[in-house]
Amino acid sequence: MCAKKKTPEERFSEVRNSKASHNYFVGDCFEAGIVLLGTEVKSVREGNAQLKDAFCRIEKGQVWLYHSHISEYKFGNFQNHEPRRKRKLLLHRREIHKMYGAVEAGGKSLIPLRIYLKHGLIKVEIALCTGKKLHDKRETLRKKITMREAEREMREHK
C-alpha cells in the first residue's frame, strides 16, 4: 500500500490567531524563530497548533511565548511534549530592546499573530498591539458588515 501524497491544500500553510485583530489594534510586526522539540515540529507541520489565548513576555532579555497550544504528536511515545509549555522565541537583541521599550512605556502587549513555515523553518509573527475597547470592537464589526454588503452588491451588478 502506497502513501498518499498530500496536495498543496492539505499541507500546512499557517496557523492564525483569529481573535488578535478583533481584540487589538495591531502595530509593529516582528518575525521570530521558535525553539521547539521534535514532536512539536511534527505536530505543527500537521497544523495542530492554536494561538487563541497566546501572548509573549520579555524576561531577562529573552522573549517567551505563553499559552500557545501545540497538540501532542499522535505517533509520539513517552517523550511527547507538554501541549501548553512556554516556548522561547529567537529575535535580534535590537528588536527585543525595541519591544521592551514599547511594553514598558505602557499600553502595549506582545501578541502572536500567526505561525508559519518559511524555507523549512517554523516562524512566529508577533506584533506590538494595543487593546481595543468595547466600542472599538463594535465599530470594527460595523465596518466589516458594510464592506461585506458592498462587495455583495458589486458582485450582483456585474
N, C-alpha and C. Protein backbone atom coordinates (compact mmCIF):
# COMPACT_ATOMS: atom_id res chain seq x y z
N MET A 1 0.84 -1.17 0.00
CA MET A 1 0.00 0.00 0.00
C MET A 1 0.89 1.24 0.00
N CYS A 2 0.67 2.16 -0.92
CA CYS A 2 1.49 3.36 -1.05
C CYS A 2 0.92 4.50 -0.20
N ALA A 3 1.82 5.35 0.23
CA ALA A 3 1.40 6.53 0.98
C ALA A 3 0.83 7.55 0.01
N LYS A 4 -0.29 8.14 0.38
CA LYS A 4 -0.93 9.13 -0.47
C LYS A 4 -0.18 10.44 -0.36
N LYS A 5 0.17 11.06 -1.50
CA LYS A 5 0.85 12.35 -1.48
C LYS A 5 -0.16 13.43 -1.12
N LYS A 6 0.29 14.37 -0.32
CA LYS A 6 -0.59 15.46 0.09
C LYS A 6 -0.65 16.51 -1.00
N THR A 7 -1.84 16.99 -1.27
CA THR A 7 -2.00 18.09 -2.22
C THR A 7 -1.63 19.38 -1.51
N PRO A 8 -1.35 20.46 -2.25
CA PRO A 8 -0.98 21.72 -1.59
C PRO A 8 -2.03 22.22 -0.59
N GLU A 9 -3.32 21.92 -0.82
CA GLU A 9 -4.35 22.36 0.12
C GLU A 9 -4.25 21.61 1.45
N GLU A 10 -3.78 20.37 1.42
CA GLU A 10 -3.70 19.56 2.64
C GLU A 10 -2.44 19.86 3.45
N ARG A 11 -1.43 20.43 2.82
CA ARG A 11 -0.19 20.74 3.53
C ARG A 11 -0.38 21.91 4.47
N PHE A 12 0.48 21.99 5.48
CA PHE A 12 0.45 23.07 6.45
C PHE A 12 0.83 24.38 5.77
N SER A 13 0.04 25.40 5.93
CA SER A 13 0.42 26.70 5.40
C SER A 13 0.67 27.68 6.56
N GLU A 14 -0.33 27.86 7.42
CA GLU A 14 -0.12 28.71 8.58
C GLU A 14 -1.26 28.52 9.58
N VAL A 15 -0.97 28.90 10.81
CA VAL A 15 -1.96 28.90 11.87
C VAL A 15 -2.11 30.35 12.30
N ARG A 16 -3.34 30.88 12.24
CA ARG A 16 -3.58 32.29 12.56
C ARG A 16 -4.25 32.45 13.92
N ASN A 17 -3.99 33.58 14.54
CA ASN A 17 -4.67 33.98 15.76
C ASN A 17 -5.89 34.79 15.34
N SER A 18 -7.03 34.14 15.28
CA SER A 18 -8.23 34.78 14.74
C SER A 18 -8.76 35.90 15.63
N LYS A 19 -8.52 35.85 16.91
CA LYS A 19 -9.03 36.86 17.84
C LYS A 19 -8.14 38.10 17.92
N ALA A 20 -6.94 38.06 17.38
CA ALA A 20 -6.00 39.16 17.55
C ALA A 20 -6.51 40.46 16.93
N SER A 21 -7.00 40.41 15.69
CA SER A 21 -7.45 41.64 15.05
C SER A 21 -8.76 42.13 15.65
N HIS A 22 -9.52 41.24 16.29
CA HIS A 22 -10.77 41.64 16.94
C HIS A 22 -10.51 42.33 18.28
N ASN A 23 -9.54 41.84 19.03
CA ASN A 23 -9.28 42.36 20.38
C ASN A 23 -8.21 43.44 20.45
N TYR A 24 -7.40 43.61 19.40
CA TYR A 24 -6.27 44.52 19.47
C TYR A 24 -6.13 45.36 18.20
N PHE A 25 -5.55 46.57 18.36
CA PHE A 25 -5.05 47.34 17.23
C PHE A 25 -3.63 46.85 17.01
N VAL A 26 -3.35 46.32 15.81
CA VAL A 26 -2.04 45.71 15.54
C VAL A 26 -1.06 46.81 15.11
N GLY A 27 0.10 46.82 15.75
CA GLY A 27 1.14 47.80 15.44
C GLY A 27 2.30 47.15 14.70
N ASP A 28 3.54 47.41 15.17
CA ASP A 28 4.74 46.87 14.53
C ASP A 28 4.76 45.35 14.62
N CYS A 29 5.14 44.70 13.52
CA CYS A 29 5.22 43.24 13.47
C CYS A 29 6.67 42.80 13.41
N PHE A 30 6.97 41.66 14.03
CA PHE A 30 8.30 41.09 14.03
C PHE A 30 8.22 39.61 13.68
N GLU A 31 9.21 39.12 12.96
CA GLU A 31 9.30 37.69 12.65
C GLU A 31 10.31 37.07 13.61
N ALA A 32 9.89 36.00 14.27
CA ALA A 32 10.76 35.36 15.25
C ALA A 32 10.84 33.87 14.98
N GLY A 33 12.01 33.30 15.25
CA GLY A 33 12.14 31.86 15.24
C GLY A 33 11.59 31.33 16.56
N ILE A 34 11.34 30.06 16.63
CA ILE A 34 10.79 29.48 17.85
C ILE A 34 11.54 28.19 18.17
N VAL A 35 11.87 27.99 19.43
CA VAL A 35 12.57 26.79 19.87
C VAL A 35 11.53 25.71 20.16
N LEU A 36 11.54 24.65 19.36
CA LEU A 36 10.57 23.56 19.50
C LEU A 36 11.26 22.23 19.67
N LEU A 37 10.56 21.28 20.26
CA LEU A 37 11.03 19.91 20.34
C LEU A 37 10.63 19.18 19.06
N GLY A 38 11.20 18.01 18.83
CA GLY A 38 10.93 17.26 17.60
C GLY A 38 9.48 16.92 17.39
N THR A 39 8.81 16.48 18.47
CA THR A 39 7.40 16.12 18.32
C THR A 39 6.53 17.36 18.10
N GLU A 40 6.96 18.51 18.62
CA GLU A 40 6.22 19.75 18.39
C GLU A 40 6.30 20.17 16.93
N VAL A 41 7.48 20.02 16.33
CA VAL A 41 7.65 20.38 14.92
C VAL A 41 6.73 19.53 14.06
N LYS A 42 6.69 18.24 14.32
CA LYS A 42 5.84 17.35 13.54
C LYS A 42 4.37 17.70 13.71
N SER A 43 3.98 18.05 14.92
CA SER A 43 2.60 18.40 15.19
C SER A 43 2.22 19.72 14.50
N VAL A 44 3.11 20.71 14.52
CA VAL A 44 2.84 21.99 13.86
C VAL A 44 2.75 21.81 12.35
N ARG A 45 3.61 20.98 11.79
CA ARG A 45 3.55 20.72 10.34
C ARG A 45 2.23 20.08 9.93
N GLU A 46 1.59 19.37 10.85
CA GLU A 46 0.26 18.80 10.58
C GLU A 46 -0.85 19.83 10.79
N GLY A 47 -0.49 21.01 11.32
CA GLY A 47 -1.47 22.06 11.55
C GLY A 47 -2.16 21.97 12.90
N ASN A 48 -1.59 21.24 13.84
CA ASN A 48 -2.20 21.06 15.15
C ASN A 48 -1.65 22.06 16.17
N ALA A 49 -1.84 23.33 15.89
CA ALA A 49 -1.40 24.39 16.81
C ALA A 49 -2.52 25.41 16.95
N GLN A 50 -2.48 26.16 18.05
CA GLN A 50 -3.51 27.15 18.31
C GLN A 50 -2.91 28.33 19.06
N LEU A 51 -3.26 29.54 18.64
CA LEU A 51 -2.73 30.76 19.26
C LEU A 51 -3.82 31.61 19.91
N LYS A 52 -4.98 31.04 20.15
CA LYS A 52 -6.15 31.79 20.59
C LYS A 52 -5.89 32.66 21.82
N ASP A 53 -5.34 32.12 22.87
CA ASP A 53 -5.11 32.86 24.11
C ASP A 53 -3.63 33.17 24.35
N ALA A 54 -2.82 33.06 23.32
CA ALA A 54 -1.37 33.19 23.48
C ALA A 54 -0.94 34.65 23.63
N PHE A 55 0.17 34.84 24.34
CA PHE A 55 0.79 36.15 24.50
C PHE A 55 2.28 35.95 24.72
N CYS A 56 3.05 37.03 24.63
CA CYS A 56 4.51 36.96 24.81
C CYS A 56 4.92 37.85 25.98
N ARG A 57 6.00 37.47 26.63
CA ARG A 57 6.60 38.26 27.70
C ARG A 57 8.10 38.34 27.48
N ILE A 58 8.67 39.43 27.94
CA ILE A 58 10.13 39.59 27.88
C ILE A 58 10.65 39.40 29.30
N GLU A 59 11.49 38.35 29.47
CA GLU A 59 12.05 38.03 30.78
C GLU A 59 13.55 37.85 30.65
N LYS A 60 14.29 38.65 31.39
CA LYS A 60 15.75 38.57 31.42
C LYS A 60 16.36 38.67 30.02
N GLY A 61 15.84 39.58 29.21
CA GLY A 61 16.38 39.81 27.88
C GLY A 61 16.00 38.77 26.84
N GLN A 62 15.05 37.90 27.15
CA GLN A 62 14.59 36.89 26.21
C GLN A 62 13.07 36.97 26.09
N VAL A 63 12.56 36.64 24.90
CA VAL A 63 11.13 36.68 24.66
C VAL A 63 10.58 35.26 24.76
N TRP A 64 9.48 35.10 25.52
CA TRP A 64 8.86 33.80 25.72
C TRP A 64 7.41 33.83 25.26
N LEU A 65 6.97 32.76 24.64
CA LEU A 65 5.60 32.60 24.18
C LEU A 65 4.83 31.75 25.18
N TYR A 66 3.74 32.29 25.71
CA TYR A 66 2.92 31.61 26.71
C TYR A 66 1.56 31.23 26.15
N HIS A 67 0.99 30.16 26.67
CA HIS A 67 -0.37 29.70 26.39
C HIS A 67 -0.65 29.37 24.92
N SER A 68 0.38 29.12 24.14
CA SER A 68 0.14 28.60 22.79
C SER A 68 -0.04 27.09 22.95
N HIS A 69 -0.98 26.55 22.24
CA HIS A 69 -1.28 25.13 22.37
C HIS A 69 -0.82 24.39 21.12
N ILE A 70 0.12 23.49 21.29
CA ILE A 70 0.57 22.60 20.21
C ILE A 70 0.23 21.19 20.67
N SER A 71 -0.71 20.57 19.97
CA SER A 71 -1.19 19.25 20.38
C SER A 71 -0.07 18.23 20.38
N GLU A 72 -0.23 17.21 21.22
CA GLU A 72 0.76 16.14 21.25
C GLU A 72 0.76 15.43 19.90
N TYR A 73 1.94 15.01 19.46
CA TYR A 73 2.08 14.29 18.20
C TYR A 73 1.45 12.91 18.37
N LYS A 74 0.55 12.56 17.46
CA LYS A 74 -0.22 11.33 17.65
C LYS A 74 0.62 10.06 17.55
N PHE A 75 1.79 10.13 16.89
CA PHE A 75 2.67 8.96 16.82
C PHE A 75 3.83 9.07 17.80
N GLY A 76 3.76 10.05 18.70
CA GLY A 76 4.81 10.23 19.70
C GLY A 76 4.73 9.15 20.76
N ASN A 77 5.83 8.97 21.48
CA ASN A 77 5.87 7.95 22.53
C ASN A 77 5.96 8.64 23.89
N PHE A 78 6.65 8.06 24.83
CA PHE A 78 6.76 8.63 26.17
C PHE A 78 7.51 9.96 26.16
N GLN A 79 8.23 10.29 25.08
CA GLN A 79 8.97 11.54 25.00
C GLN A 79 8.15 12.67 24.39
N ASN A 80 6.85 12.48 24.28
CA ASN A 80 5.99 13.51 23.72
C ASN A 80 6.04 14.77 24.58
N HIS A 81 5.76 15.91 23.99
CA HIS A 81 5.88 17.20 24.67
C HIS A 81 4.60 17.55 25.44
N GLU A 82 4.73 18.54 26.32
CA GLU A 82 3.59 19.09 27.04
C GLU A 82 2.93 20.14 26.14
N PRO A 83 1.62 20.07 25.91
CA PRO A 83 0.97 20.95 24.93
C PRO A 83 1.04 22.44 25.22
N ARG A 84 0.97 22.87 26.48
CA ARG A 84 0.91 24.30 26.79
C ARG A 84 2.17 24.83 27.48
N ARG A 85 3.31 24.28 27.20
CA ARG A 85 4.53 24.77 27.85
C ARG A 85 4.95 26.12 27.27
N LYS A 86 5.77 26.87 28.01
CA LYS A 86 6.25 28.15 27.46
C LYS A 86 7.39 27.86 26.49
N ARG A 87 7.45 28.65 25.40
CA ARG A 87 8.43 28.41 24.34
C ARG A 87 9.25 29.68 24.10
N LYS A 88 10.54 29.50 23.91
CA LYS A 88 11.44 30.62 23.69
C LYS A 88 11.36 31.08 22.24
N LEU A 89 11.34 32.40 22.03
CA LEU A 89 11.35 32.98 20.69
C LEU A 89 12.73 33.56 20.42
N LEU A 90 13.18 33.43 19.20
CA LEU A 90 14.52 33.86 18.80
C LEU A 90 14.43 35.16 18.01
N LEU A 91 14.98 36.23 18.58
CA LEU A 91 14.96 37.55 17.95
C LEU A 91 16.32 38.21 18.11
N HIS A 92 16.57 39.26 17.29
CA HIS A 92 17.78 40.04 17.43
C HIS A 92 17.66 40.92 18.68
N ARG A 93 18.80 41.22 19.29
CA ARG A 93 18.81 42.00 20.53
C ARG A 93 18.16 43.37 20.34
N ARG A 94 18.42 44.02 19.19
CA ARG A 94 17.85 45.35 18.96
C ARG A 94 16.32 45.29 18.86
N GLU A 95 15.79 44.20 18.31
CA GLU A 95 14.34 44.02 18.23
C GLU A 95 13.75 43.83 19.63
N ILE A 96 14.44 43.06 20.45
CA ILE A 96 13.97 42.84 21.82
C ILE A 96 13.97 44.15 22.60
N HIS A 97 15.02 44.97 22.43
CA HIS A 97 15.08 46.26 23.12
C HIS A 97 13.95 47.18 22.66
N LYS A 98 13.64 47.18 21.38
CA LYS A 98 12.55 47.99 20.85
C LYS A 98 11.22 47.56 21.46
N MET A 99 10.98 46.25 21.51
CA MET A 99 9.75 45.72 22.09
C MET A 99 9.67 46.04 23.58
N TYR A 100 10.79 45.85 24.28
CA TYR A 100 10.82 46.08 25.72
C TYR A 100 10.48 47.54 26.04
N GLY A 101 11.04 48.46 25.26
CA GLY A 101 10.76 49.89 25.46
C GLY A 101 9.29 50.21 25.26
N ALA A 102 8.67 49.63 24.25
CA ALA A 102 7.26 49.89 23.97
C ALA A 102 6.35 49.29 25.04
N VAL A 103 6.68 48.09 25.50
CA VAL A 103 5.85 47.42 26.51
C VAL A 103 5.99 48.14 27.86
N GLU A 104 7.21 48.53 28.21
CA GLU A 104 7.45 49.21 29.49
C GLU A 104 6.83 50.60 29.52
N ALA A 105 6.72 51.27 28.35
CA ALA A 105 6.10 52.60 28.30
C ALA A 105 4.62 52.50 28.66
N GLY A 106 4.03 51.34 28.44
CA GLY A 106 2.65 51.10 28.87
C GLY A 106 1.67 51.07 27.71
N GLY A 107 0.61 50.29 27.90
CA GLY A 107 -0.46 50.25 26.91
C GLY A 107 -0.25 49.30 25.76
N LYS A 108 0.90 48.66 25.66
CA LYS A 108 1.19 47.75 24.55
C LYS A 108 1.38 46.33 25.07
N SER A 109 1.02 45.37 24.22
CA SER A 109 1.20 43.96 24.53
C SER A 109 1.86 43.28 23.35
N LEU A 110 2.56 42.18 23.61
CA LEU A 110 3.15 41.38 22.54
C LEU A 110 2.21 40.20 22.28
N ILE A 111 1.62 40.17 21.09
CA ILE A 111 0.65 39.15 20.74
C ILE A 111 1.12 38.40 19.50
N PRO A 112 1.14 37.06 19.53
CA PRO A 112 1.48 36.30 18.32
C PRO A 112 0.31 36.31 17.34
N LEU A 113 0.59 36.62 16.08
CA LEU A 113 -0.46 36.68 15.07
C LEU A 113 -0.60 35.39 14.28
N ARG A 114 0.53 34.75 13.98
CA ARG A 114 0.47 33.51 13.19
C ARG A 114 1.75 32.71 13.34
N ILE A 115 1.63 31.41 13.07
CA ILE A 115 2.77 30.50 12.98
C ILE A 115 2.79 30.00 11.55
N TYR A 116 3.94 30.07 10.91
CA TYR A 116 4.03 29.67 9.51
C TYR A 116 5.38 29.04 9.21
N LEU A 117 5.46 28.42 8.05
CA LEU A 117 6.67 27.74 7.60
C LEU A 117 7.39 28.63 6.59
N LYS A 118 8.70 28.83 6.78
CA LYS A 118 9.48 29.66 5.86
C LYS A 118 10.81 28.96 5.60
N HIS A 119 11.00 28.48 4.39
CA HIS A 119 12.22 27.78 3.99
C HIS A 119 12.52 26.60 4.92
N GLY A 120 11.50 25.87 5.30
CA GLY A 120 11.68 24.69 6.13
C GLY A 120 11.77 24.97 7.62
N LEU A 121 11.72 26.23 8.03
CA LEU A 121 11.78 26.60 9.44
C LEU A 121 10.44 27.13 9.90
N ILE A 122 10.10 26.87 11.13
CA ILE A 122 8.83 27.36 11.67
C ILE A 122 9.08 28.72 12.31
N LYS A 123 8.30 29.70 11.88
CA LYS A 123 8.43 31.08 12.35
C LYS A 123 7.14 31.53 13.03
N VAL A 124 7.26 32.52 13.90
CA VAL A 124 6.11 33.11 14.57
C VAL A 124 6.14 34.61 14.27
N GLU A 125 5.00 35.15 13.85
CA GLU A 125 4.88 36.58 13.65
C GLU A 125 4.24 37.17 14.90
N ILE A 126 4.97 38.06 15.58
CA ILE A 126 4.43 38.71 16.78
C ILE A 126 4.32 40.20 16.50
N ALA A 127 3.39 40.84 17.21
CA ALA A 127 3.15 42.26 16.98
C ALA A 127 2.98 42.99 18.30
N LEU A 128 3.36 44.27 18.28
CA LEU A 128 3.09 45.15 19.40
C LEU A 128 1.66 45.63 19.22
N CYS A 129 0.78 45.29 20.15
CA CYS A 129 -0.65 45.58 19.99
C CYS A 129 -1.16 46.43 21.15
N THR A 130 -2.20 47.21 20.84
CA THR A 130 -2.91 47.99 21.85
C THR A 130 -4.31 47.42 21.96
N GLY A 131 -4.79 47.21 23.16
CA GLY A 131 -6.11 46.63 23.37
C GLY A 131 -7.24 47.53 22.90
N LYS A 132 -8.30 46.94 22.34
CA LYS A 132 -9.47 47.69 21.90
C LYS A 132 -10.49 47.75 23.03
N LYS A 133 -11.20 48.84 23.07
CA LYS A 133 -12.34 48.97 23.99
C LYS A 133 -13.56 48.35 23.32
N LEU A 134 -14.64 48.21 24.06
CA LEU A 134 -15.86 47.58 23.53
C LEU A 134 -16.42 48.35 22.34
N HIS A 135 -16.43 49.69 22.42
CA HIS A 135 -16.98 50.47 21.32
C HIS A 135 -16.11 50.36 20.06
N ASP A 136 -14.78 50.17 20.24
CA ASP A 136 -13.90 49.96 19.09
C ASP A 136 -14.21 48.63 18.41
N LYS A 137 -14.49 47.61 19.20
CA LYS A 137 -14.81 46.30 18.64
C LYS A 137 -16.12 46.36 17.85
N ARG A 138 -17.10 47.08 18.40
CA ARG A 138 -18.38 47.23 17.70
C ARG A 138 -18.20 47.98 16.40
N GLU A 139 -17.39 49.02 16.41
CA GLU A 139 -17.13 49.81 15.20
C GLU A 139 -16.45 48.95 14.13
N THR A 140 -15.51 48.13 14.52
CA THR A 140 -14.83 47.23 13.59
C THR A 140 -15.82 46.27 12.96
N LEU A 141 -16.71 45.69 13.77
CA LEU A 141 -17.73 44.77 13.24
C LEU A 141 -18.66 45.49 12.27
N ARG A 142 -19.06 46.73 12.60
CA ARG A 142 -19.92 47.51 11.71
C ARG A 142 -19.26 47.74 10.35
N LYS A 143 -17.98 48.12 10.37
CA LYS A 143 -17.24 48.34 9.12
C LYS A 143 -17.14 47.07 8.30
N LYS A 144 -16.89 45.95 8.98
CA LYS A 144 -16.77 44.67 8.29
C LYS A 144 -18.08 44.28 7.60
N ILE A 145 -19.19 44.51 8.29
CA ILE A 145 -20.50 44.18 7.72
C ILE A 145 -20.81 45.06 6.51
N THR A 146 -20.53 46.35 6.60
CA THR A 146 -20.79 47.24 5.46
C THR A 146 -19.91 46.90 4.27
N MET A 147 -18.65 46.53 4.52
CA MET A 147 -17.77 46.13 3.42
C MET A 147 -18.28 44.86 2.75
N ARG A 148 -18.75 43.91 3.54
CA ARG A 148 -19.28 42.66 3.01
C ARG A 148 -20.52 42.92 2.15
N GLU A 149 -21.40 43.81 2.62
CA GLU A 149 -22.60 44.15 1.85
C GLU A 149 -22.25 44.86 0.55
N ALA A 150 -21.26 45.76 0.59
CA ALA A 150 -20.83 46.46 -0.62
C ALA A 150 -20.25 45.50 -1.65
N GLU A 151 -19.45 44.55 -1.18
CA GLU A 151 -18.89 43.55 -2.10
C GLU A 151 -19.98 42.69 -2.71
N ARG A 152 -20.98 42.35 -1.94
CA ARG A 152 -22.11 41.55 -2.43
C ARG A 152 -22.87 42.32 -3.51
N GLU A 153 -23.09 43.62 -3.29
CA GLU A 153 -23.76 44.46 -4.28
C GLU A 153 -22.94 44.56 -5.57
N MET A 154 -21.64 44.68 -5.43
CA MET A 154 -20.75 44.79 -6.62
C MET A 154 -20.82 43.50 -7.43
N ARG A 155 -20.85 42.36 -6.76
CA ARG A 155 -20.93 41.07 -7.46
C ARG A 155 -22.26 40.92 -8.19
N GLU A 156 -23.34 41.38 -7.58
CA GLU A 156 -24.66 41.25 -8.20
C GLU A 156 -24.83 42.14 -9.42
N HIS A 157 -24.15 43.29 -9.47
CA HIS A 157 -24.30 44.22 -10.58
C HIS A 157 -23.41 43.91 -11.77
N LYS A 158 -22.54 42.93 -11.66
CA LYS A 158 -21.65 42.59 -12.79
C LYS A 158 -22.38 41.84 -13.84
